[in-house]
Amino acid sequence: MAIEEDATAGDAELAVTPPQPLRNRFDRMEWAGAFGDLGTLIPFVLAYITVMGLDPLGVLLAFGVCMVVSGLWYRTPFPVQPMKALGVVATTQAAQTATITPQAVYGAGLVTGVLWLVLGLTGATRWVTKIVTRPVVVGIVLGLGLGFMLEGIKFMAVGWLLSAAVLLIALLLLSSRQVPAMFAILLGGAAFAVIRDPSLVDALRGIKFEARLPSFALAGIAWSDFVIGVVFLAIPQVPLTLGNAMIAIVEENNRLFPHRPVSERSVSISTGLMNLFGAGVGGVPMCHGAGGMAGHVRFGARTGGAVIILGVLLILLGLFFSGSVNTIFGVVPREILGVILFLTGAQLALGSCDFSKDKGERFVTIVTAGLSMWNIGLAFVMGLSIYHLLKRGWMRV
């Protein structure tokens, strides 16, 4: 049984190949790891619900069902996340104009689902990812990690004192299996939120049990919504999905869980299927982001049990408490989300520190990483271009 030399104490357990197939667990570490992706999930869900007016039931149900299926199928902490570039464009444009509607989001999800399903079934995804060299892959993962850390710092800047205290406590507890760091972060953050805003107590008391069932979201979509969703949302997201939700997640999963390897083809197919389902029930476009896996793993997850736990909670929240989503999520302060994002980014960046000894390839990795913090699509193209220019001797560093 081989263990990676540069693995931390927590990662060393991951690098050990077990003598039997991995089984999902549901112990306290899986519960703690289940909440490791809240730093990206909560902000996007709230933006879609509050800014765009999407029905919380459809959004939460789609995420929940896809997480449960992902955990059962992959049996590793294989995440389900909102597509970030698409989400940012949708919510910012919806806030400024009336161009992007909920129906446009559903249309984008439908097209996204068909695209990645076809690419996966035909094997085209595997062909595209094969042209990507390792220095570019490492750069994308590193850039994603650093980008998460930077975003976490922005969140933590809201309240430096609380953020510093929570970050220190989290770092001290990261290797503890008796007191999982995530539990301390969430409980401490909730307590601080109530102290800072006592009205939260009354709001929490007002949470109502409200059983609902989803409706077919595509029934009212018009051609104009469909076209807007494709042009402004689905197409700009493709390069980011290819880099983060295909190449990077496969690299991250196969590095941490070599006994449960995945392929770009299988990830492409699952991305397609979950977006087709999500579009039907009123969900938002989703993907398997490498940052999500890093978050789950950093806080203790080692199997698909963590993703299943979070999925079941989201399903229950959507079906029975969809009218109180803002109140429930409001208990988690922005500073706490920042700490989670920062540590998630650190976990992701740490796993990409296997740099080449060749100076040119290191340059490709660094440039790709820097650009990935801004635009993964551009980083993908520039990284490949520089790599081949160097190999052909048309460029020197």
Protein backbone atom coordinates (compact mmCIF):
# COMPACT_ATOMS: atom_id res chain seq x y z
CA MET A 1 0.00 0.00 0.00
CA ALA A 2 1.59 3.21 -1.17
CA ILE A 3 1.24 6.54 0.55
CA GLU A 4 2.10 9.83 -1.14
CA GLU A 5 5.22 11.31 0.40
CA ASP A 6 3.89 14.86 0.55
CA ALA A 7 0.51 13.94 1.99
CA THR A 8 -0.61 15.52 5.22
CA ALA A 9 -1.83 13.41 8.10
CA GLY A 10 -5.39 13.74 6.85
CA ASP A 11 -4.52 13.05 3.23
CA ALA A 12 -2.31 10.09 4.07
CA GLU A 13 -5.43 8.11 4.87
CA LEU A 14 -6.78 8.96 1.42
CA ALA A 15 -3.68 7.82 -0.43
CA VAL A 16 -3.87 4.30 1.00
CA THR A 17 -5.44 1.84 -1.40
CA PRO A 18 -7.87 -0.32 0.62
CA PRO A 19 -8.02 -4.10 0.08
CA GLN A 20 -11.76 -3.91 -0.71
CA PRO A 21 -14.05 -1.51 -2.59
CA LEU A 22 -14.80 1.73 -0.81
CA ARG A 23 -18.15 1.82 0.97
CA ASN A 24 -20.03 4.94 1.92
CA ARG A 25 -19.83 5.87 5.59
CA PHE A 26 -22.09 8.11 7.64
CA ASP A 27 -20.02 8.74 10.78
CA ARG A 28 -19.41 12.13 12.37
CA MET A 29 -16.50 12.94 10.08
CA GLU A 30 -18.71 12.38 7.04
CA TRP A 31 -21.31 14.63 8.65
CA ALA A 32 -18.68 17.30 9.22
CA GLY A 33 -17.34 16.98 5.68
CA ALA A 34 -20.86 17.23 4.28
CA PHE A 35 -20.89 20.96 5.01
CA GLY A 36 -17.46 21.65 3.50
CA ASP A 37 -18.95 23.10 0.32
CA LEU A 38 -21.34 25.60 1.91
CA GLY A 39 -19.00 28.47 1.01
CA THR A 40 -20.05 28.26 -2.64
CA LEU A 41 -23.47 26.63 -2.30
CA ILE A 42 -25.19 29.12 0.02
CA PRO A 43 -24.23 32.38 -1.76
CA PHE A 44 -25.31 31.12 -5.18
CA VAL A 45 -28.55 29.54 -3.93
CA LEU A 46 -29.52 32.73 -2.12
CA ALA A 47 -28.64 34.85 -5.17
CA TYR A 48 -30.81 32.73 -7.45
CA ILE A 49 -33.72 32.82 -4.98
CA THR A 50 -33.59 36.45 -3.83
CA VAL A 51 -32.34 38.22 -6.97
CA MET A 52 -33.93 36.12 -9.71
CA GLY A 53 -36.99 34.88 -7.85
CA LEU A 54 -36.44 31.18 -8.52
CA ASP A 55 -38.59 28.80 -6.49
CA PRO A 56 -36.45 27.46 -3.59
CA LEU A 57 -38.16 24.08 -3.87
CA GLY A 58 -36.88 23.40 -7.39
CA VAL A 59 -33.37 24.72 -6.67
CA LEU A 60 -32.88 22.72 -3.47
CA LEU A 61 -34.59 19.57 -4.73
CA ALA A 62 -32.40 19.44 -7.84
CA PHE A 63 -29.21 19.86 -5.82
CA GLY A 64 -30.33 17.34 -3.21
CA VAL A 65 -31.34 14.54 -5.58
CA CYS A 66 -28.20 14.96 -7.69
CA MET A 67 -25.99 14.89 -4.58
CA VAL A 68 -27.59 11.67 -3.35
CA VAL A 69 -27.15 10.00 -6.75
CA SER A 70 -23.57 11.29 -7.02
CA GLY A 71 -22.64 9.88 -3.62
CA LEU A 72 -24.23 6.52 -4.35
CA TRP A 73 -22.62 6.23 -7.80
CA TYR A 74 -19.09 7.53 -7.25
CA ARG A 75 -18.73 6.56 -3.56
CA THR A 76 -16.23 9.37 -3.01
CA PRO A 77 -16.99 12.96 -1.88
CA PHE A 78 -17.93 13.77 -5.47
CA PRO A 79 -19.60 17.19 -5.26
CA VAL A 80 -22.49 18.84 -7.02
CA GLN A 81 -22.12 22.61 -7.34
CA PRO A 82 -23.78 25.51 -9.15
CA MET A 83 -22.06 26.50 -12.39
CA LYS A 84 -20.27 29.63 -11.21
CA ALA A 85 -19.75 31.73 -14.36
CA LEU A 86 -23.32 31.08 -15.44
CA GLY A 87 -24.62 31.90 -11.97
CA VAL A 88 -22.72 35.17 -11.77
CA VAL A 89 -23.93 36.31 -15.19
CA ALA A 90 -27.53 35.29 -14.47
CA THR A 91 -27.83 37.01 -11.10
CA THR A 92 -25.94 40.19 -11.96
CA GLN A 93 -27.79 40.69 -15.24
CA ALA A 94 -31.11 39.91 -13.60
CA ALA A 95 -30.40 42.55 -10.97
CA GLN A 96 -29.58 45.18 -13.63
CA THR A 97 -32.09 44.31 -16.35
CA ALA A 98 -35.08 42.06 -16.91
CA THR A 99 -33.33 40.13 -19.70
CA ILE A 100 -32.38 37.05 -17.72
CA THR A 101 -35.50 35.32 -16.41
CA PRO A 102 -35.97 32.08 -14.44
CA GLN A 103 -37.12 30.46 -17.69
CA ALA A 104 -33.83 31.48 -19.34
CA VAL A 105 -31.97 29.72 -16.52
CA TYR A 106 -34.02 26.56 -17.06
CA GLY A 107 -33.34 26.75 -20.80
CA ALA A 108 -29.60 27.09 -20.15
CA GLY A 109 -29.74 24.04 -17.91
CA LEU A 110 -31.53 22.02 -20.58
CA VAL A 111 -29.00 22.91 -23.28
CA THR A 112 -26.10 22.32 -20.89
CA GLY A 113 -27.49 18.89 -20.05
CA VAL A 114 -27.88 17.87 -23.69
CA LEU A 115 -24.41 19.17 -24.60
CA TRP A 116 -22.45 17.30 -21.93
CA LEU A 117 -24.54 14.15 -22.28
CA VAL A 118 -23.85 13.99 -26.01
CA LEU A 119 -20.14 14.76 -25.53
CA GLY A 120 -19.91 12.01 -22.93
CA LEU A 121 -21.84 9.35 -24.84
CA THR A 122 -19.87 9.97 -28.05
CA GLY A 123 -16.51 10.02 -26.26
CA ALA A 124 -15.78 13.55 -27.46
CA THR A 125 -15.09 14.75 -23.90
CA ARG A 126 -12.27 12.25 -23.54
CA TRP A 127 -10.77 13.35 -26.86
CA VAL A 128 -10.85 17.03 -25.88
CA THR A 129 -9.29 16.47 -22.46
CA LYS A 130 -6.53 14.28 -23.89
CA ILE A 131 -4.98 17.27 -25.63
CA VAL A 132 -4.51 19.00 -22.26
CA THR A 133 -0.98 18.54 -20.88
CA ARG A 134 -0.20 17.97 -17.20
CA PRO A 135 1.41 21.40 -16.58
CA VAL A 136 -1.84 23.00 -17.73
CA VAL A 137 -3.96 20.69 -15.53
CA VAL A 138 -1.80 21.44 -12.47
CA GLY A 139 -2.06 25.15 -13.23
CA ILE A 140 -5.85 25.04 -13.46
CA VAL A 141 -6.16 23.23 -10.13
CA LEU A 142 -3.66 25.55 -8.45
CA GLY A 143 -5.42 28.62 -9.84
CA LEU A 144 -8.79 27.36 -8.64
CA GLY A 145 -7.38 26.83 -5.16
CA LEU A 146 -5.82 30.28 -4.99
CA GLY A 147 -9.02 31.79 -6.38
CA PHE A 148 -11.06 30.15 -3.63
CA MET A 149 -8.63 31.46 -1.01
CA LEU A 150 -8.90 34.99 -2.42
CA GLU A 151 -12.70 34.81 -2.45
CA GLY A 152 -12.62 33.53 1.12
CA ILE A 153 -10.48 36.48 2.17
CA LYS A 154 -13.03 38.86 0.65
CA PHE A 155 -15.77 37.22 2.72
CA MET A 156 -13.64 37.26 5.87
CA ALA A 157 -12.89 40.96 5.41
CA VAL A 158 -16.44 41.69 6.57
CA GLY A 159 -15.28 40.99 10.12
CA TRP A 160 -11.58 40.31 10.57
CA LEU A 161 -11.73 39.63 14.31
CA LEU A 162 -14.34 36.90 14.03
CA SER A 163 -12.71 35.49 10.90
CA ALA A 164 -9.25 35.28 12.49
CA ALA A 165 -10.62 33.59 15.61
CA VAL A 166 -12.67 31.05 13.65
CA LEU A 167 -9.79 30.35 11.24
CA LEU A 168 -7.40 29.69 14.13
CA ILE A 169 -9.87 27.33 15.82
CA ALA A 170 -10.50 25.53 12.53
CA LEU A 171 -6.77 25.05 11.91
CA LEU A 172 -6.28 23.63 15.39
CA LEU A 173 -9.15 21.18 14.92
CA LEU A 174 -8.55 20.10 11.32
CA SER A 175 -6.85 16.86 12.34
CA SER A 176 -9.23 16.14 15.24
CA ARG A 177 -11.69 13.28 14.88
CA GLN A 178 -13.23 13.88 18.31
CA VAL A 179 -14.32 17.48 17.63
CA PRO A 180 -14.67 17.97 13.84
CA ALA A 181 -13.63 21.46 12.78
CA MET A 182 -16.80 22.03 10.75
CA PHE A 183 -19.06 21.52 13.75
CA ALA A 184 -17.09 24.07 15.78
CA ILE A 185 -17.17 26.55 12.88
CA LEU A 186 -20.91 26.26 12.25
CA LEU A 187 -22.00 26.25 15.90
CA GLY A 188 -19.69 29.13 16.78
CA GLY A 189 -20.80 31.08 13.73
CA ALA A 190 -24.49 30.53 14.47
CA ALA A 191 -24.02 31.66 18.07
CA PHE A 192 -22.23 34.81 16.92
CA ALA A 193 -24.92 35.51 14.31
CA VAL A 194 -27.62 35.38 16.99
CA ILE A 195 -25.63 37.60 19.36
CA ARG A 196 -24.98 40.12 16.58
CA ASP A 197 -28.59 40.09 15.41
CA PRO A 198 -31.00 38.93 18.17
CA SER A 199 -33.92 39.24 15.74
CA LEU A 200 -32.70 35.97 14.19
CA VAL A 201 -34.16 34.13 17.18
CA ASP A 202 -37.66 35.36 16.39
CA ALA A 203 -37.11 34.64 12.70
CA LEU A 204 -36.06 31.06 13.49
CA ARG A 205 -39.14 30.59 15.65
CA GLY A 206 -41.21 31.62 12.67
CA ILE A 207 -39.96 28.76 10.48
CA LYS A 208 -42.98 26.85 9.20
CA PHE A 209 -43.43 23.28 8.04
CA GLU A 210 -44.82 23.54 4.51
CA ALA A 211 -45.05 20.38 2.41
CA ARG A 212 -44.83 21.01 -1.34
CA LEU A 213 -44.21 19.08 -4.54
CA PRO A 214 -42.28 20.36 -7.58
CA SER A 215 -43.87 21.30 -10.88
CA PHE A 216 -42.55 20.88 -14.43
CA ALA A 217 -40.45 24.03 -14.90
CA LEU A 218 -40.09 23.84 -18.69
CA ALA A 219 -43.82 24.12 -19.32
CA GLY A 220 -43.81 27.92 -19.53
CA ILE A 221 -40.53 28.50 -21.35
CA ALA A 222 -40.63 30.63 -24.50
CA TRP A 223 -38.25 30.60 -27.45
CA SER A 224 -36.87 33.99 -26.45
CA ASP A 225 -36.01 32.68 -22.98
CA PHE A 226 -34.42 29.63 -24.53
CA VAL A 227 -32.23 31.66 -26.91
CA ILE A 228 -31.15 34.07 -24.15
CA GLY A 229 -30.28 31.16 -21.87
CA VAL A 230 -28.12 29.54 -24.56
CA VAL A 231 -26.30 32.65 -25.79
CA PHE A 232 -25.75 34.52 -22.53
CA LEU A 233 -25.54 31.66 -20.02
CA ALA A 234 -24.82 28.20 -21.41
CA ILE A 235 -22.14 28.98 -24.04
CA PRO A 236 -19.89 31.20 -21.83
CA GLN A 237 -19.91 28.47 -19.17
CA VAL A 238 -18.48 25.71 -21.40
CA PRO A 239 -14.73 26.48 -20.99
CA LEU A 240 -15.07 26.79 -17.19
CA THR A 241 -16.95 23.50 -16.97
CA LEU A 242 -14.34 21.76 -19.11
CA GLY A 243 -11.49 23.05 -16.94
CA ASN A 244 -12.98 22.85 -13.45
CA ALA A 245 -15.74 20.26 -13.70
CA MET A 246 -14.06 17.80 -16.07
CA ILE A 247 -10.27 18.06 -16.06
CA ALA A 248 -9.71 19.34 -12.52
CA ILE A 249 -12.27 17.11 -10.76
CA VAL A 250 -10.95 13.97 -12.47
CA GLU A 251 -7.39 14.94 -11.47
CA GLU A 252 -8.45 15.65 -7.88
CA ASN A 253 -10.54 12.50 -7.44
CA ASN A 254 -7.99 10.15 -8.97
CA ARG A 255 -5.17 11.67 -6.90
CA LEU A 256 -7.04 11.36 -3.61
CA PHE A 257 -8.96 8.16 -4.36
CA PRO A 258 -6.90 6.02 -6.77
CA HIS A 259 -9.00 2.99 -5.77
CA ARG A 260 -12.15 4.75 -7.12
CA PRO A 261 -10.93 6.35 -10.39
CA VAL A 262 -13.27 8.29 -12.63
CA SER A 263 -13.02 9.32 -16.29
CA GLU A 264 -13.94 12.50 -18.13
CA ARG A 265 -16.53 10.50 -20.05
CA SER A 266 -18.42 9.38 -16.94
CA VAL A 267 -18.28 12.87 -15.42
CA SER A 268 -19.58 14.38 -18.66
CA ILE A 269 -22.49 11.94 -18.74
CA SER A 270 -23.44 12.56 -15.11
CA THR A 271 -23.20 16.33 -15.66
CA GLY A 272 -25.57 16.02 -18.60
CA LEU A 273 -28.09 13.85 -16.77
CA MET A 274 -28.26 15.99 -13.64
CA ASN A 275 -28.79 19.17 -15.68
CA LEU A 276 -31.61 17.59 -17.65
CA PHE A 277 -33.26 16.60 -14.38
CA GLY A 278 -32.57 19.99 -12.80
CA ALA A 279 -34.07 21.91 -15.71
CA GLY A 280 -37.24 19.84 -15.43
CA VAL A 281 -37.88 20.47 -11.73
CA GLY A 282 -36.80 24.13 -11.65
CA GLY A 283 -33.18 23.74 -10.64
CA VAL A 284 -30.16 25.73 -11.77
CA PRO A 285 -27.27 24.51 -13.99
CA MET A 286 -24.96 22.26 -11.96
CA CYS A 287 -21.53 20.68 -12.30
CA HIS A 288 -18.96 18.60 -10.40
CA GLY A 289 -16.42 21.22 -9.23
CA ALA A 290 -12.97 20.28 -7.94
CA GLY A 291 -13.28 22.92 -5.22
CA GLY A 292 -16.31 21.14 -3.82
CA MET A 293 -14.40 17.90 -3.39
CA ALA A 294 -11.54 19.77 -1.71
CA GLY A 295 -14.01 21.32 0.72
CA HIS A 296 -15.64 18.03 1.63
CA VAL A 297 -12.28 16.31 2.08
CA ARG A 298 -10.69 19.17 4.06
CA PHE A 299 -13.36 18.88 6.75
CA GLY A 300 -13.31 15.10 7.09
CA ALA A 301 -15.22 13.43 4.25
CA ARG A 302 -13.68 10.26 2.84
CA THR A 303 -16.64 8.62 1.08
CA GLY A 304 -19.80 9.51 -0.80
CA GLY A 305 -21.66 9.47 2.50
CA ALA A 306 -20.92 13.17 3.02
CA VAL A 307 -22.51 14.16 -0.29
CA ILE A 308 -25.53 11.94 0.42
CA ILE A 309 -26.00 13.54 3.84
CA LEU A 310 -26.00 17.05 2.41
CA GLY A 311 -28.29 15.94 -0.43
CA VAL A 312 -30.89 14.46 1.92
CA LEU A 313 -30.86 17.62 4.05
CA LEU A 314 -31.41 19.80 0.96
CA ILE A 315 -34.25 17.56 -0.25
CA LEU A 316 -36.00 17.82 3.14
CA LEU A 317 -35.38 21.56 3.25
CA GLY A 318 -36.87 21.99 -0.22
CA LEU A 319 -39.89 19.75 0.22
CA PHE A 320 -40.90 20.92 3.70
CA PHE A 321 -39.22 24.27 4.51
CA SER A 322 -38.75 26.04 1.16
CA GLY A 323 -40.44 29.17 2.46
CA SER A 324 -37.84 29.60 5.21
CA VAL A 325 -34.63 29.10 3.23
CA ASN A 326 -33.41 32.69 3.64
CA THR A 327 -33.86 32.52 7.42
CA ILE A 328 -32.13 29.14 7.78
CA PHE A 329 -29.15 30.06 5.62
CA GLY A 330 -28.95 33.45 7.32
CA VAL A 331 -27.71 31.75 10.48
CA VAL A 332 -24.35 31.13 8.76
CA PRO A 333 -22.44 34.46 8.80
CA ARG A 334 -20.55 35.61 5.72
CA GLU A 335 -17.29 35.45 7.69
CA ILE A 336 -17.85 31.74 8.35
CA LEU A 337 -18.43 31.08 4.66
CA GLY A 338 -15.16 32.91 4.03
CA VAL A 339 -13.23 30.64 6.38
CA ILE A 340 -14.72 27.57 4.69
CA LEU A 341 -13.81 28.91 1.24
CA PHE A 342 -10.28 29.81 2.35
CA LEU A 343 -9.54 26.35 3.77
CA THR A 344 -11.15 24.69 0.75
CA GLY A 345 -8.87 26.67 -1.54
CA ALA A 346 -5.83 25.78 0.55
CA GLN A 347 -6.71 22.09 0.30
CA LEU A 348 -7.13 22.32 -3.47
CA ALA A 349 -3.94 24.31 -4.03
CA LEU A 350 -1.92 21.99 -1.79
CA GLY A 351 -2.83 19.00 -3.92
CA SER A 352 -1.49 20.69 -7.07
CA CYS A 353 2.03 21.38 -5.82
CA ASP A 354 3.58 18.57 -7.88
CA PHE A 355 5.54 20.90 -10.18
CA SER A 356 7.66 19.72 -13.08
CA LYS A 357 11.45 20.00 -12.88
CA ASP A 358 11.46 21.56 -16.34
CA LYS A 359 11.59 25.37 -16.18
CA GLY A 360 9.37 25.82 -19.21
CA GLU A 361 6.66 23.53 -17.85
CA ARG A 362 6.78 25.32 -14.48
CA PHE A 363 6.26 28.58 -16.36
CA VAL A 364 3.21 27.11 -18.10
CA THR A 365 1.80 26.01 -14.74
CA ILE A 366 2.32 29.43 -13.13
CA VAL A 367 0.81 31.36 -16.04
CA THR A 368 -2.16 28.98 -16.22
CA ALA A 369 -2.70 29.26 -12.46
CA GLY A 370 -2.63 33.04 -12.54
CA LEU A 371 -5.10 33.25 -15.40
CA SER A 372 -7.35 30.59 -13.83
CA MET A 373 -7.97 32.94 -10.93
CA TRP A 374 -9.60 35.26 -13.45
CA ASN A 375 -10.89 33.19 -16.39
CA ILE A 376 -10.42 29.42 -16.68
CA GLY A 377 -11.34 29.40 -20.37
CA LEU A 378 -8.59 31.89 -21.18
CA ALA A 379 -6.17 30.04 -18.88
CA PHE A 380 -6.92 26.80 -20.71
CA VAL A 381 -6.20 28.28 -24.15
CA MET A 382 -3.14 30.32 -23.11
CA GLY A 383 -1.60 27.48 -21.11
CA LEU A 384 -1.83 25.06 -24.04
CA SER A 385 -0.56 27.67 -26.48
CA ILE A 386 2.49 28.54 -24.38
CA TYR A 387 3.25 24.87 -23.77
CA HIS A 388 3.36 24.04 -27.49
CA LEU A 389 5.28 27.23 -28.34
CA LEU A 390 7.94 26.23 -25.81
CA LYS A 391 8.11 22.62 -27.04
CA ARG A 392 8.61 23.78 -30.63
CA GLY A 393 11.32 26.22 -29.63
CA TRP A 394 9.33 29.24 -30.81
CA MET A 395 9.39 30.73 -27.32
CA ARG A 396 11.92 30.78 -24.49
CA VAL A 397 11.72 31.59 -20.77
